[in-house]
N, C-alpha and C. Protein backbone atom coordinates (compact mmCIF):
# COMPACT_ATOMS: atom_id res chain seq x y z
N MET A 1 42.24 -6.20 13.38
CA MET A 1 42.88 -7.32 13.43
C MET A 1 42.18 -8.50 13.26
N ILE A 2 41.67 -9.67 12.85
CA ILE A 2 40.67 -10.28 12.80
C ILE A 2 41.87 -11.72 13.96
N TYR A 3 40.05 -11.72 14.43
CA TYR A 3 40.30 -12.97 15.82
C TYR A 3 40.10 -13.99 14.71
N THR A 4 41.00 -15.63 15.79
CA THR A 4 40.48 -16.56 15.25
C THR A 4 40.44 -17.38 16.12
N ILE A 5 39.41 -17.83 17.13
CA ILE A 5 39.18 -18.26 18.31
C ILE A 5 38.66 -20.23 18.06
N LYS A 6 39.76 -20.56 18.72
CA LYS A 6 39.25 -21.95 18.95
C LYS A 6 39.77 -22.02 20.30
N ALA A 7 38.58 -22.41 21.03
CA ALA A 7 37.84 -22.00 22.32
C ALA A 7 38.95 -22.87 22.99
N MET A 8 39.81 -24.35 22.81
CA MET A 8 40.15 -24.73 23.35
C MET A 8 41.42 -24.33 23.60
N THR A 9 41.94 -23.54 22.34
CA THR A 9 43.43 -23.34 22.75
C THR A 9 43.67 -21.36 23.14
N ILE A 10 41.86 -21.47 23.48
CA ILE A 10 42.69 -19.61 24.27
C ILE A 10 43.25 -19.93 26.09
N THR A 11 43.89 -18.03 26.66
CA THR A 11 43.75 -18.75 27.87
C THR A 11 43.11 -17.67 28.22
N GLN A 12 43.28 -18.17 29.44
CA GLN A 12 42.38 -16.59 30.74
C GLN A 12 42.86 -15.57 29.74
N GLN A 13 44.34 -15.24 29.84
CA GLN A 13 44.91 -14.05 29.78
C GLN A 13 44.29 -13.06 28.75
N GLU A 14 43.99 -14.12 27.83
CA GLU A 14 43.46 -13.99 26.58
C GLU A 14 42.10 -14.04 26.70
N THR A 15 41.44 -14.09 27.28
CA THR A 15 39.74 -13.77 26.47
C THR A 15 39.59 -12.59 27.87
N SER A 16 40.95 -12.31 29.15
CA SER A 16 39.86 -11.11 29.22
C SER A 16 40.56 -10.22 28.60
N ALA A 17 42.24 -10.01 27.99
CA ALA A 17 42.41 -9.11 26.81
C ALA A 17 41.23 -9.02 25.43
N LEU A 18 40.61 -9.85 25.76
CA LEU A 18 39.68 -9.96 23.85
C LEU A 18 38.81 -9.39 24.58
N MET A 19 38.08 -9.56 26.06
CA MET A 19 36.76 -8.70 26.36
C MET A 19 37.03 -7.23 26.59
N THR A 20 38.79 -6.86 27.30
CA THR A 20 38.40 -5.63 27.78
C THR A 20 38.51 -4.97 26.52
N GLU A 21 39.41 -4.78 25.05
CA GLU A 21 39.01 -4.54 24.19
C GLU A 21 37.70 -4.73 23.25
N ALA A 22 36.69 -5.81 23.53
CA ALA A 22 35.58 -5.84 23.43
C ALA A 22 34.74 -4.31 24.20
N GLN A 23 35.12 -4.31 24.92
CA GLN A 23 34.22 -2.92 25.81
C GLN A 23 35.16 -2.00 26.13
N ASN A 24 36.12 -1.63 24.98
CA ASN A 24 36.28 -0.52 24.23
C ASN A 24 35.56 0.11 23.03
N GLY A 25 34.92 -1.65 22.32
CA GLY A 25 34.39 -1.08 21.00
C GLY A 25 35.28 -1.97 19.71
N LYS A 26 36.10 -2.31 20.33
CA LYS A 26 37.04 -3.29 18.75
C LYS A 26 35.54 -4.12 18.50
N ALA A 27 35.71 -4.03 17.15
CA ALA A 27 33.74 -5.30 16.72
C ALA A 27 34.65 -6.71 16.63
N SER A 28 36.27 -7.12 16.02
CA SER A 28 36.68 -8.29 15.73
C SER A 28 37.31 -9.05 17.41
N ALA A 29 36.73 -7.90 18.25
CA ALA A 29 37.27 -8.72 19.62
C ALA A 29 36.21 -9.16 20.12
N TYR A 30 35.10 -8.33 19.84
CA TYR A 30 33.37 -8.39 20.59
C TYR A 30 32.64 -9.75 19.78
N GLN A 31 33.29 -9.60 18.29
CA GLN A 31 33.04 -11.20 17.72
C GLN A 31 33.69 -12.28 18.20
N ALA A 32 34.94 -12.05 18.56
CA ALA A 32 35.86 -13.54 18.84
C ALA A 32 35.12 -13.87 20.54
N ILE A 33 35.18 -13.04 21.22
CA ILE A 33 34.48 -13.41 22.31
C ILE A 33 33.51 -13.83 22.43
N LEU A 34 32.51 -13.92 21.72
CA LEU A 34 31.39 -14.12 21.69
C LEU A 34 31.50 -15.20 20.88
N GLU A 35 31.71 -15.96 19.93
CA GLU A 35 32.38 -17.35 19.42
C GLU A 35 32.82 -18.69 20.45
N TYR A 36 33.64 -17.62 21.19
CA TYR A 36 34.29 -18.02 22.52
C TYR A 36 33.01 -18.50 23.02
N SER A 37 32.82 -17.54 23.88
CA SER A 37 31.53 -18.01 24.82
C SER A 37 29.89 -18.64 24.44
N TYR A 38 30.26 -18.94 23.45
CA TYR A 38 29.25 -19.76 22.33
C TYR A 38 29.75 -21.09 22.55
N SER A 39 31.27 -21.68 22.59
CA SER A 39 31.84 -22.84 22.56
C SER A 39 31.47 -23.26 23.90
N ILE A 40 31.48 -22.52 25.26
CA ILE A 40 31.99 -22.79 26.54
C ILE A 40 30.41 -23.01 26.96
N ILE A 41 29.49 -22.36 26.67
CA ILE A 41 28.32 -21.88 27.04
C ILE A 41 27.63 -23.28 26.21
N GLU A 42 28.17 -23.87 25.14
CA GLU A 42 27.74 -24.96 24.58
C GLU A 42 27.76 -26.15 25.93
N LYS A 43 29.01 -26.42 26.27
CA LYS A 43 30.36 -27.47 26.42
C LYS A 43 28.72 -27.76 28.10
N TYR A 44 28.83 -25.64 28.45
CA TYR A 44 28.62 -26.34 30.31
C TYR A 44 26.85 -26.73 30.07
N LEU A 45 26.08 -26.40 28.88
CA LEU A 45 24.83 -26.00 29.42
C LEU A 45 24.85 -28.42 28.58
N LYS A 46 25.08 -29.15 28.16
CA LYS A 46 25.18 -30.02 27.49
C LYS A 46 24.28 -31.37 27.98
N PRO A 47 25.13 -30.85 29.67
CA PRO A 47 24.87 -31.97 30.67
C PRO A 47 23.92 -31.53 31.37
N ARG A 48 23.27 -30.34 31.10
CA ARG A 48 22.04 -29.54 32.09
C ARG A 48 20.75 -30.08 31.43
N THR A 49 20.77 -29.78 30.27
CA THR A 49 19.40 -29.90 29.81
C THR A 49 19.13 -31.39 28.54
N VAL A 50 17.92 -31.97 28.66
CA VAL A 50 17.82 -32.94 28.12
C VAL A 50 17.51 -33.05 25.97
N ASN A 51 17.38 -31.33 25.75
CA ASN A 51 17.66 -32.01 24.13
C ASN A 51 18.06 -30.54 23.72
N LYS A 52 18.02 -30.39 22.56
CA LYS A 52 19.21 -29.61 21.59
C LYS A 52 17.84 -27.69 21.54
N GLU A 53 16.89 -28.07 21.95
CA GLU A 53 15.92 -26.90 21.86
C GLU A 53 15.82 -26.04 23.07
N GLN A 54 15.98 -26.66 24.17
CA GLN A 54 16.86 -26.14 25.33
C GLN A 54 18.00 -25.22 25.48
N ARG A 55 18.57 -26.44 24.97
CA ARG A 55 20.06 -25.58 24.50
C ARG A 55 20.40 -24.56 24.39
N GLU A 56 19.24 -24.42 23.14
CA GLU A 56 19.06 -23.02 22.35
C GLU A 56 18.78 -21.92 22.66
N ASP A 57 17.75 -22.10 23.33
CA ASP A 57 16.78 -21.18 23.88
C ASP A 57 17.77 -20.49 25.25
N LEU A 58 18.39 -21.33 26.62
CA LEU A 58 19.36 -20.60 27.16
C LEU A 58 19.91 -20.12 26.60
N THR A 59 20.70 -20.78 25.29
CA THR A 59 22.52 -20.30 24.76
C THR A 59 21.75 -18.93 24.70
N GLN A 60 20.94 -18.69 23.39
CA GLN A 60 20.97 -17.59 23.08
C GLN A 60 20.60 -16.37 24.41
N GLU A 61 19.27 -16.79 25.85
CA GLU A 61 19.07 -16.44 26.62
C GLU A 61 20.36 -15.53 27.51
N ILE A 62 21.48 -16.32 27.48
CA ILE A 62 22.89 -15.72 27.89
C ILE A 62 23.52 -15.57 27.07
N ILE A 63 23.48 -14.94 25.40
CA ILE A 63 23.92 -14.08 25.13
C ILE A 63 24.22 -13.32 25.03
N MET A 64 22.20 -13.04 24.99
CA MET A 64 22.14 -11.63 25.55
C MET A 64 22.79 -11.06 26.50
N ALA A 65 22.89 -11.64 27.86
CA ALA A 65 22.45 -11.61 29.04
C ALA A 65 24.20 -10.88 28.97
N LEU A 66 24.85 -11.78 28.58
CA LEU A 66 26.15 -11.18 28.40
C LEU A 66 26.21 -10.14 27.28
N HIS A 67 26.30 -9.84 26.60
CA HIS A 67 25.81 -8.21 25.53
C HIS A 67 25.58 -7.49 26.60
N LYS A 68 24.28 -7.09 27.80
CA LYS A 68 24.13 -6.81 28.05
C LYS A 68 24.51 -6.17 29.59
N ALA A 69 25.53 -7.51 29.72
CA ALA A 69 25.91 -6.92 31.38
C ALA A 69 27.88 -6.41 30.87
N ARG A 70 28.12 -6.90 29.61
CA ARG A 70 29.12 -6.35 28.82
C ARG A 70 30.32 -4.98 29.64
N HIS A 71 30.23 -4.11 30.14
CA HIS A 71 30.47 -3.63 30.80
C HIS A 71 30.70 -3.48 32.19
N THR A 72 29.72 -5.12 32.50
CA THR A 72 30.40 -4.79 34.44
C THR A 72 31.52 -5.65 33.86
N TYR A 73 31.75 -6.59 33.05
CA TYR A 73 33.12 -7.14 33.85
C TYR A 73 34.50 -6.88 34.09
N ASN A 74 35.18 -6.82 34.37
CA ASN A 74 36.31 -6.44 35.77
C ASN A 74 37.84 -6.98 35.21
N PRO A 75 38.56 -6.50 34.43
CA PRO A 75 39.41 -7.23 33.02
C PRO A 75 40.37 -7.65 34.66
N GLU A 76 40.23 -7.40 35.61
CA GLU A 76 40.93 -8.14 36.72
C GLU A 76 40.91 -9.88 37.55
N GLN A 77 39.67 -9.84 36.99
CA GLN A 77 38.63 -11.13 37.12
C GLN A 77 38.98 -12.15 35.23
N PRO A 78 38.74 -13.49 35.81
CA PRO A 78 39.08 -14.48 35.44
C PRO A 78 37.55 -14.34 33.61
N PHE A 79 37.90 -14.10 32.63
CA PHE A 79 37.00 -13.91 31.65
C PHE A 79 35.94 -15.13 31.79
N GLN A 80 36.59 -16.44 31.87
CA GLN A 80 35.24 -17.20 32.28
C GLN A 80 34.52 -17.78 33.36
N ASN A 81 35.10 -17.00 34.65
CA ASN A 81 34.12 -17.52 35.84
C ASN A 81 32.76 -16.14 35.61
N TRP A 82 33.19 -15.36 35.01
CA TRP A 82 32.60 -14.06 34.66
C TRP A 82 31.33 -14.68 33.65
N LEU A 83 31.46 -15.82 33.04
CA LEU A 83 30.86 -16.05 31.41
C LEU A 83 29.65 -17.64 32.85
N LEU A 84 30.60 -17.81 33.09
CA LEU A 84 30.11 -19.12 33.94
C LEU A 84 28.92 -18.52 35.15
N SER A 85 28.82 -17.23 35.70
CA SER A 85 28.34 -16.92 36.90
C SER A 85 27.37 -16.77 35.93
N ILE A 86 27.55 -15.99 34.60
CA ILE A 86 25.50 -15.40 33.84
C ILE A 86 25.18 -16.40 33.67
N SER A 87 25.65 -17.56 33.23
CA SER A 87 24.91 -18.59 32.61
C SER A 87 24.50 -20.26 33.67
N ARG A 88 24.97 -19.98 35.06
CA ARG A 88 24.28 -20.67 36.25
C ARG A 88 23.20 -19.62 35.97
N TYR A 89 23.08 -18.02 36.08
CA TYR A 89 21.95 -17.41 36.70
C TYR A 89 20.96 -17.65 35.82
N LYS A 90 21.20 -17.72 34.43
CA LYS A 90 20.09 -17.45 33.53
C LYS A 90 19.95 -18.84 33.61
N THR A 91 20.23 -19.81 33.50
CA THR A 91 19.82 -21.43 33.35
C THR A 91 18.92 -22.14 34.63
N ILE A 92 19.19 -21.23 36.38
CA ILE A 92 17.95 -21.44 37.18
C ILE A 92 17.51 -20.67 36.70
N ASP A 93 17.02 -19.28 36.15
CA ASP A 93 16.15 -18.36 35.91
C ASP A 93 15.14 -19.26 34.52
N TYR A 94 16.59 -19.72 33.62
CA TYR A 94 14.49 -20.37 33.37
C TYR A 94 14.55 -21.40 33.60
N PHE A 95 14.60 -22.37 34.05
CA PHE A 95 13.63 -23.59 35.00
C PHE A 95 13.04 -22.84 35.54
N ARG A 96 12.76 -22.00 36.03
CA ARG A 96 12.24 -21.48 37.34
C ARG A 96 11.39 -20.55 36.19
N LYS A 97 10.82 -20.20 35.11
CA LYS A 97 10.37 -19.27 34.63
C LYS A 97 8.87 -20.85 33.86
N ASN A 98 10.31 -21.70 33.55
CA ASN A 98 9.20 -23.04 32.01
C ASN A 98 9.47 -24.66 33.58
N LYS A 99 8.84 -23.80 34.57
CA LYS A 99 8.47 -25.23 35.15
C LYS A 99 8.38 -26.47 34.21
N ASP A 100 7.76 -26.53 33.59
CA ASP A 100 6.78 -27.54 32.56
C ASP A 100 7.23 -28.14 31.53
N ILE A 101 8.60 -27.72 31.92
CA ILE A 101 10.01 -27.95 30.36
C ILE A 101 10.93 -29.61 31.54
N PRO A 102 10.82 -30.73 31.25
CA PRO A 102 11.68 -31.20 31.73
C PRO A 102 13.46 -30.87 31.87
N VAL A 103 13.44 -31.50 32.75
CA VAL A 103 14.44 -31.34 33.24
C VAL A 103 16.18 -32.15 33.50
N ASP A 104 17.35 -32.67 33.03
CA ASP A 104 17.54 -34.07 32.98
C ASP A 104 19.08 -33.78 34.17
N PHE A 105 19.08 -34.19 35.52
CA PHE A 105 20.37 -34.13 36.60
C PHE A 105 20.62 -34.74 36.73
N SER A 106 20.01 -36.04 36.06
CA SER A 106 20.64 -37.60 36.85
C SER A 106 22.68 -37.22 36.40
N ASN A 107 22.44 -36.43 34.94
CA ASN A 107 23.99 -36.54 34.79
C ASN A 107 25.22 -35.26 34.81
N THR A 108 24.86 -34.87 35.65
CA THR A 108 25.39 -33.49 36.20
C THR A 108 25.61 -33.70 38.04
N GLU A 109 26.96 -33.10 37.51
CA GLU A 109 27.08 -32.78 39.30
C GLU A 109 26.60 -31.33 39.50
N PRO A 110 26.60 -31.21 40.85
CA PRO A 110 26.35 -29.89 41.42
C PRO A 110 27.05 -28.66 40.76
N ILE A 111 26.16 -27.92 40.08
CA ILE A 111 26.41 -26.46 39.71
C ILE A 111 28.15 -25.66 40.13
N ASN A 112 27.53 -25.68 41.36
CA ASN A 112 28.52 -25.05 42.63
C ASN A 112 30.25 -26.00 42.70
N ALA A 113 29.75 -26.66 42.66
CA ALA A 113 30.60 -28.31 42.28
C ALA A 113 31.81 -27.96 40.80
N TRP A 114 31.52 -28.43 39.76
CA TRP A 114 31.37 -28.14 38.60
C TRP A 114 31.75 -26.39 38.58
N PHE A 115 31.76 -25.25 38.38
CA PHE A 115 32.30 -24.17 38.83
C PHE A 115 34.03 -24.16 39.39
N ILE A 116 33.69 -25.12 40.77
CA ILE A 116 34.55 -24.21 41.18
C ILE A 116 35.51 -25.12 40.99
N LYS A 117 35.56 -26.51 40.45
CA LYS A 117 35.97 -27.23 39.59
C LYS A 117 36.94 -26.89 38.91
N ASN A 118 36.21 -26.33 37.62
CA ASN A 118 36.63 -26.10 37.01
C ASN A 118 37.13 -24.59 36.04
N THR A 119 38.20 -24.36 37.91
CA THR A 119 38.30 -23.13 36.95
C THR A 119 39.87 -23.06 35.78
N ASN A 120 40.34 -24.14 35.72
CA ASN A 120 40.25 -24.06 34.18
C ASN A 120 40.24 -25.32 33.16
N PHE A 121 39.17 -24.79 32.73
CA PHE A 121 38.19 -25.76 32.46
C PHE A 121 38.52 -25.91 31.22
N GLU A 122 39.09 -25.12 30.48
CA GLU A 122 39.87 -25.17 29.12
C GLU A 122 40.90 -26.71 28.98
N GLU A 123 41.49 -26.23 29.13
CA GLU A 123 42.55 -27.98 29.27
C GLU A 123 41.47 -29.08 29.18
N GLU A 124 40.92 -29.02 30.57
CA GLU A 124 40.11 -30.47 30.96
C GLU A 124 39.06 -30.17 29.32
N LEU A 125 38.42 -29.13 29.13
CA LEU A 125 36.74 -29.94 27.66
C LEU A 125 37.92 -29.91 26.65
N GLU A 126 39.09 -29.50 26.93
CA GLU A 126 39.96 -30.22 25.43
C GLU A 126 40.36 -31.19 25.35
N THR A 127 40.70 -31.40 26.97
CA THR A 127 41.09 -32.82 26.81
C THR A 127 40.05 -34.04 26.44
N LYS A 128 38.52 -33.90 26.54
CA LYS A 128 37.43 -34.88 26.89
C LYS A 128 37.05 -34.57 25.55
N ILE A 129 37.07 -33.31 24.79
CA ILE A 129 36.81 -33.35 23.48
C ILE A 129 37.61 -34.63 22.62
N GLU A 130 39.06 -34.45 23.14
CA GLU A 130 40.03 -35.14 22.49
C GLU A 130 39.84 -36.58 22.79
N LEU A 131 39.76 -36.82 24.54
CA LEU A 131 39.14 -38.54 24.05
C LEU A 131 37.91 -38.49 23.54
N GLU A 132 36.68 -37.97 23.62
CA GLU A 132 35.61 -38.63 23.00
C GLU A 132 35.84 -38.74 21.53
N THR A 133 36.69 -38.29 20.45
CA THR A 133 37.18 -38.38 19.30
C THR A 133 37.59 -39.50 19.24
N HIS A 134 38.75 -39.64 20.08
CA HIS A 134 39.18 -41.19 20.18
C HIS A 134 38.10 -42.34 20.11
N LEU A 135 37.57 -41.88 21.30
CA LEU A 135 36.57 -42.92 21.87
C LEU A 135 35.30 -42.97 20.46
N SER A 136 35.60 -42.36 19.62
CA SER A 136 33.88 -42.78 18.44
C SER A 136 34.67 -43.28 17.77
N LYS A 137 35.89 -43.78 17.11
CA LYS A 137 36.49 -44.24 16.74
C LYS A 137 36.59 -45.78 16.77
N LEU A 138 35.91 -46.20 18.09
CA LEU A 138 36.33 -47.26 18.27
C LEU A 138 34.54 -48.01 18.94
N THR A 139 34.74 -49.37 18.06
CA THR A 139 32.87 -49.59 18.62
C THR A 139 32.54 -49.63 19.84
N GLU A 140 31.65 -49.57 19.65
CA GLU A 140 30.52 -49.29 20.60
C GLU A 140 31.02 -49.94 22.00
N LYS A 141 31.58 -51.56 21.89
CA LYS A 141 31.81 -52.76 23.22
C LYS A 141 32.95 -52.22 23.03
N GLN A 142 34.11 -51.62 22.49
CA GLN A 142 35.62 -51.13 23.33
C GLN A 142 35.00 -49.98 23.86
N GLN A 143 33.52 -48.85 23.17
CA GLN A 143 34.06 -47.48 24.05
C GLN A 143 33.65 -48.23 25.86
N LYS A 144 32.11 -48.99 25.85
CA LYS A 144 32.08 -49.82 26.83
C LYS A 144 32.67 -49.88 28.02
N LEU A 145 33.40 -50.75 27.37
CA LEU A 145 34.64 -51.21 28.27
C LEU A 145 35.90 -50.07 28.70
N LEU A 146 36.30 -49.45 27.98
CA LEU A 146 36.66 -48.80 28.80
C LEU A 146 35.78 -46.81 29.34
N LYS A 147 35.11 -46.84 28.51
CA LYS A 147 34.57 -46.02 29.51
C LYS A 147 34.32 -46.14 31.32
N LYS A 148 33.99 -47.53 31.18
CA LYS A 148 33.65 -48.34 32.90
C LYS A 148 35.43 -48.38 33.42
N VAL A 149 36.26 -48.33 32.81
CA VAL A 149 37.81 -47.45 33.13
C VAL A 149 37.83 -46.38 34.00
N LYS A 150 38.48 -46.41 35.14
CA LYS A 150 38.92 -44.42 36.00
C LYS A 150 40.55 -44.17 35.40
N ILE A 151 40.44 -43.73 34.45
CA ILE A 151 42.21 -43.19 35.06
C ILE A 151 42.50 -41.89 35.49
N LYS A 152 44.21 -42.42 36.03
CA LYS A 152 43.61 -41.19 37.77
C LYS A 152 45.24 -40.36 36.69
């Protein structure tokens, strides 16, 4: 079976099932979970890095860590939480190792707050991407105006 992954439409149950299949040696499930993980990692790292090179380096390190630790995944736990834990620790390690690399934390909330608040982050990411798509169709002035308004 070939899996097609769209990061914003896959449920926690589906990711857990895919990872379980991947642990059992199903190559197509492993490929799908890696594609899904890559998209989540990119969204996680974007506000925490200052450039694309940082993001690419960190993404590669996180994907390698995921690969090495895949046998430790517990299917009874949400895959996304496991992935974000790996992402968090690898991000911390990366910046500890590379102390001379600039870090931009001005546009982020604490990692723990993001992690706890976003237990169902696929929906939030989907909404955010949809809003960004619609905003990009507006003029710069209209975008600035709408960004100043809080939607409850």
